[in-house]
Amino acid sequence: MTSKRPHLISIPALTLVFVIMCRGTFAQVTSTIQGQITDPSGASIAGSSVKVTNEATGISRTGQSATDGYYRIPDLLAGRYE
């Protein structure tokens, strides 16, 4: 005698599909601060240290300007920075 079982997708398989489909929903949003450092005459300043501090958390990140004076500090959490 053969037992008839309905063809159901297993719970682990459904969970995996759900996690894969929703993983973008739980992504954390970040931003970047960027700019250029110049002297009073407008000339670029290379190798300058740049420090940004999140006002709410007190967490600081540092960067350095490139040869053209531009700097970029990526992956910052949302908030106000000084």
N, C-alpha and C. Protein backbone atom coordinates (compact mmCIF):
# COMPACT_ATOMS: atom_id res chain seq x y z
N MET A 1 0.84 -1.16 0.00
CA MET A 1 0.00 0.00 0.00
C MET A 1 0.90 1.24 0.00
N THR A 2 0.56 2.16 -0.82
CA THR A 2 1.35 3.38 -0.94
C THR A 2 0.65 4.53 -0.23
N SER A 3 1.41 5.23 0.55
CA SER A 3 0.85 6.37 1.27
C SER A 3 0.91 7.60 0.38
N LYS A 4 -0.17 8.33 0.34
CA LYS A 4 -0.22 9.54 -0.47
C LYS A 4 0.00 10.75 0.44
N ARG A 5 1.12 11.47 0.18
CA ARG A 5 1.40 12.68 0.94
C ARG A 5 1.31 13.85 -0.03
N PRO A 6 0.73 14.92 0.42
CA PRO A 6 0.70 16.09 -0.46
C PRO A 6 2.12 16.60 -0.70
N HIS A 7 2.34 17.13 -1.85
CA HIS A 7 3.66 17.67 -2.20
C HIS A 7 3.78 19.08 -1.64
N LEU A 8 4.37 19.16 -0.49
CA LEU A 8 4.56 20.45 0.16
C LEU A 8 6.05 20.80 0.18
N ILE A 9 6.32 22.07 0.06
CA ILE A 9 7.70 22.53 0.18
C ILE A 9 8.04 22.54 1.66
N SER A 10 9.21 22.08 1.98
CA SER A 10 9.60 21.99 3.39
C SER A 10 9.75 23.37 4.02
N ILE A 11 9.58 23.44 5.31
CA ILE A 11 9.72 24.68 6.06
C ILE A 11 11.13 25.28 5.90
N PRO A 12 12.20 24.49 5.99
CA PRO A 12 13.53 25.08 5.78
C PRO A 12 13.69 25.70 4.39
N ALA A 13 13.12 25.07 3.38
CA ALA A 13 13.23 25.62 2.03
C ALA A 13 12.47 26.94 1.92
N LEU A 14 11.30 27.01 2.52
CA LEU A 14 10.53 28.26 2.51
C LEU A 14 11.26 29.36 3.26
N THR A 15 11.86 29.00 4.37
CA THR A 15 12.61 29.98 5.16
C THR A 15 13.78 30.53 4.35
N LEU A 16 14.49 29.67 3.67
CA LEU A 16 15.62 30.10 2.85
C LEU A 16 15.17 31.05 1.75
N VAL A 17 14.09 30.73 1.08
CA VAL A 17 13.57 31.60 0.02
C VAL A 17 13.18 32.95 0.61
N PHE A 18 12.51 32.95 1.75
CA PHE A 18 12.10 34.19 2.40
C PHE A 18 13.30 35.05 2.76
N VAL A 19 14.33 34.46 3.32
CA VAL A 19 15.53 35.21 3.72
C VAL A 19 16.22 35.81 2.50
N ILE A 20 16.33 35.05 1.44
CA ILE A 20 16.98 35.55 0.22
C ILE A 20 16.19 36.71 -0.38
N MET A 21 14.87 36.59 -0.39
CA MET A 21 14.04 37.63 -0.98
C MET A 21 14.02 38.90 -0.13
N CYS A 22 14.14 38.78 1.16
CA CYS A 22 14.01 39.94 2.05
C CYS A 22 15.33 40.53 2.49
N ARG A 23 16.43 40.00 2.07
CA ARG A 23 17.70 40.46 2.63
C ARG A 23 17.97 41.93 2.32
N GLY A 24 17.51 42.46 1.21
CA GLY A 24 17.66 43.88 0.92
C GLY A 24 16.83 44.75 1.83
N THR A 25 15.74 44.23 2.35
CA THR A 25 14.86 44.98 3.23
C THR A 25 15.56 45.37 4.52
N PHE A 26 16.45 44.54 4.99
CA PHE A 26 17.11 44.78 6.26
C PHE A 26 18.47 45.45 6.11
N ALA A 27 18.80 45.89 4.90
CA ALA A 27 20.10 46.52 4.67
C ALA A 27 20.19 47.86 5.39
N GLN A 28 21.36 48.17 5.85
CA GLN A 28 21.57 49.43 6.56
C GLN A 28 21.99 50.48 5.55
N VAL A 29 21.42 51.66 5.67
CA VAL A 29 21.72 52.74 4.74
C VAL A 29 22.90 53.54 5.28
N THR A 30 23.86 53.79 4.41
CA THR A 30 25.03 54.59 4.79
C THR A 30 25.21 55.72 3.78
N SER A 31 26.08 56.64 4.12
CA SER A 31 26.35 57.75 3.20
C SER A 31 27.83 58.08 3.22
N THR A 32 28.20 59.07 2.43
CA THR A 32 29.60 59.45 2.27
C THR A 32 29.74 60.96 2.43
N ILE A 33 30.81 61.38 3.07
CA ILE A 33 31.16 62.80 3.09
C ILE A 33 32.40 62.94 2.22
N GLN A 34 32.36 63.91 1.30
CA GLN A 34 33.50 64.12 0.42
C GLN A 34 33.64 65.61 0.12
N GLY A 35 34.82 66.00 -0.28
CA GLY A 35 35.07 67.40 -0.60
C GLY A 35 36.49 67.61 -1.06
N GLN A 36 36.89 68.86 -1.15
CA GLN A 36 38.24 69.20 -1.57
C GLN A 36 38.81 70.22 -0.60
N ILE A 37 40.07 70.04 -0.24
CA ILE A 37 40.75 70.96 0.66
C ILE A 37 41.65 71.86 -0.18
N THR A 38 41.47 73.17 0.02
CA THR A 38 42.27 74.15 -0.73
C THR A 38 42.80 75.21 0.22
N ASP A 39 43.85 75.90 -0.20
CA ASP A 39 44.36 77.03 0.57
C ASP A 39 43.62 78.30 0.13
N PRO A 40 43.89 79.44 0.76
CA PRO A 40 43.16 80.67 0.42
C PRO A 40 43.27 81.08 -1.05
N SER A 41 44.34 80.67 -1.72
CA SER A 41 44.49 81.02 -3.14
C SER A 41 43.74 80.05 -4.06
N GLY A 42 43.18 78.98 -3.49
CA GLY A 42 42.44 78.00 -4.30
C GLY A 42 43.26 76.80 -4.70
N ALA A 43 44.53 76.76 -4.31
CA ALA A 43 45.39 75.62 -4.65
C ALA A 43 45.03 74.42 -3.77
N SER A 44 45.03 73.23 -4.38
CA SER A 44 44.71 72.00 -3.66
C SER A 44 45.77 71.67 -2.63
N ILE A 45 45.34 71.10 -1.51
CA ILE A 45 46.27 70.69 -0.46
C ILE A 45 46.23 69.17 -0.36
N ALA A 46 47.34 68.53 -0.72
CA ALA A 46 47.44 67.07 -0.70
C ALA A 46 47.87 66.58 0.67
N GLY A 47 47.41 65.40 1.05
CA GLY A 47 47.86 64.75 2.27
C GLY A 47 47.30 65.32 3.56
N SER A 48 46.27 66.13 3.48
CA SER A 48 45.66 66.69 4.69
C SER A 48 44.80 65.64 5.38
N SER A 49 44.83 65.65 6.70
CA SER A 49 44.01 64.74 7.48
C SER A 49 42.61 65.33 7.64
N VAL A 50 41.60 64.47 7.48
CA VAL A 50 40.21 64.88 7.61
C VAL A 50 39.57 63.98 8.66
N LYS A 51 38.89 64.60 9.63
CA LYS A 51 38.23 63.84 10.69
C LYS A 51 36.77 64.27 10.76
N VAL A 52 35.86 63.28 10.76
CA VAL A 52 34.44 63.56 10.95
C VAL A 52 33.98 62.80 12.19
N THR A 53 33.12 63.45 12.97
CA THR A 53 32.61 62.86 14.20
C THR A 53 31.10 62.91 14.21
N ASN A 54 30.47 61.76 14.46
CA ASN A 54 29.02 61.69 14.57
C ASN A 54 28.63 62.37 15.88
N GLU A 55 27.80 63.41 15.80
CA GLU A 55 27.44 64.18 16.98
C GLU A 55 26.65 63.37 18.00
N ALA A 56 25.83 62.43 17.55
CA ALA A 56 25.00 61.64 18.46
C ALA A 56 25.78 60.54 19.18
N THR A 57 26.72 59.90 18.45
CA THR A 57 27.42 58.76 19.02
C THR A 57 28.84 59.07 19.48
N GLY A 58 29.41 60.16 18.97
CA GLY A 58 30.79 60.50 19.30
C GLY A 58 31.82 59.67 18.54
N ILE A 59 31.35 58.81 17.65
CA ILE A 59 32.26 57.97 16.86
C ILE A 59 32.89 58.80 15.75
N SER A 60 34.21 58.71 15.63
CA SER A 60 34.96 59.47 14.63
C SER A 60 35.53 58.56 13.56
N ARG A 61 35.65 59.11 12.36
CA ARG A 61 36.32 58.44 11.24
C ARG A 61 37.29 59.44 10.64
N THR A 62 38.40 58.95 10.14
CA THR A 62 39.39 59.84 9.54
C THR A 62 39.69 59.42 8.11
N GLY A 63 40.18 60.37 7.35
CA GLY A 63 40.59 60.13 5.98
C GLY A 63 41.72 61.08 5.65
N GLN A 64 42.18 61.00 4.41
CA GLN A 64 43.29 61.85 3.98
C GLN A 64 43.01 62.32 2.56
N SER A 65 43.34 63.58 2.30
CA SER A 65 43.12 64.10 0.95
C SER A 65 44.16 63.54 -0.02
N ALA A 66 43.72 63.35 -1.24
CA ALA A 66 44.60 62.82 -2.30
C ALA A 66 45.47 63.95 -2.86
N THR A 67 46.24 63.65 -3.86
CA THR A 67 47.15 64.65 -4.44
C THR A 67 46.40 65.84 -5.03
N ASP A 68 45.15 65.64 -5.42
CA ASP A 68 44.36 66.75 -5.97
C ASP A 68 43.53 67.47 -4.89
N GLY A 69 43.74 67.10 -3.61
CA GLY A 69 43.06 67.75 -2.50
C GLY A 69 41.70 67.16 -2.15
N TYR A 70 41.23 66.23 -2.97
CA TYR A 70 39.91 65.64 -2.70
C TYR A 70 40.01 64.54 -1.64
N TYR A 71 38.99 64.46 -0.80
CA TYR A 71 38.91 63.41 0.20
C TYR A 71 37.52 62.78 0.13
N ARG A 72 37.42 61.57 0.66
CA ARG A 72 36.16 60.83 0.64
C ARG A 72 36.15 59.92 1.87
N ILE A 73 35.09 60.04 2.69
CA ILE A 73 34.93 59.17 3.86
C ILE A 73 33.60 58.44 3.69
N PRO A 74 33.65 57.19 3.23
CA PRO A 74 32.43 56.43 2.93
C PRO A 74 31.90 55.63 4.13
N ASP A 75 30.75 55.03 3.92
CA ASP A 75 30.13 54.09 4.86
C ASP A 75 29.83 54.69 6.24
N LEU A 76 29.35 55.93 6.24
CA LEU A 76 28.99 56.58 7.49
C LEU A 76 27.52 56.31 7.80
N LEU A 77 27.24 56.07 9.06
CA LEU A 77 25.85 55.90 9.47
C LEU A 77 25.13 57.24 9.38
N ALA A 78 23.83 57.19 9.19
CA ALA A 78 23.05 58.42 9.09
C ALA A 78 23.19 59.22 10.37
N GLY A 79 23.26 60.53 10.23
CA GLY A 79 23.38 61.39 11.40
C GLY A 79 24.03 62.71 11.04
N ARG A 80 24.23 63.54 12.05
CA ARG A 80 24.91 64.81 11.87
C ARG A 80 26.38 64.64 12.23
N TYR A 81 27.24 65.21 11.40
CA TYR A 81 28.69 65.10 11.61
C TYR A 81 29.31 66.47 11.71
N GLU A 82 30.33 66.56 12.52
CA GLU A 82 31.09 67.79 12.59
C GLU A 82 32.52 67.53 12.17
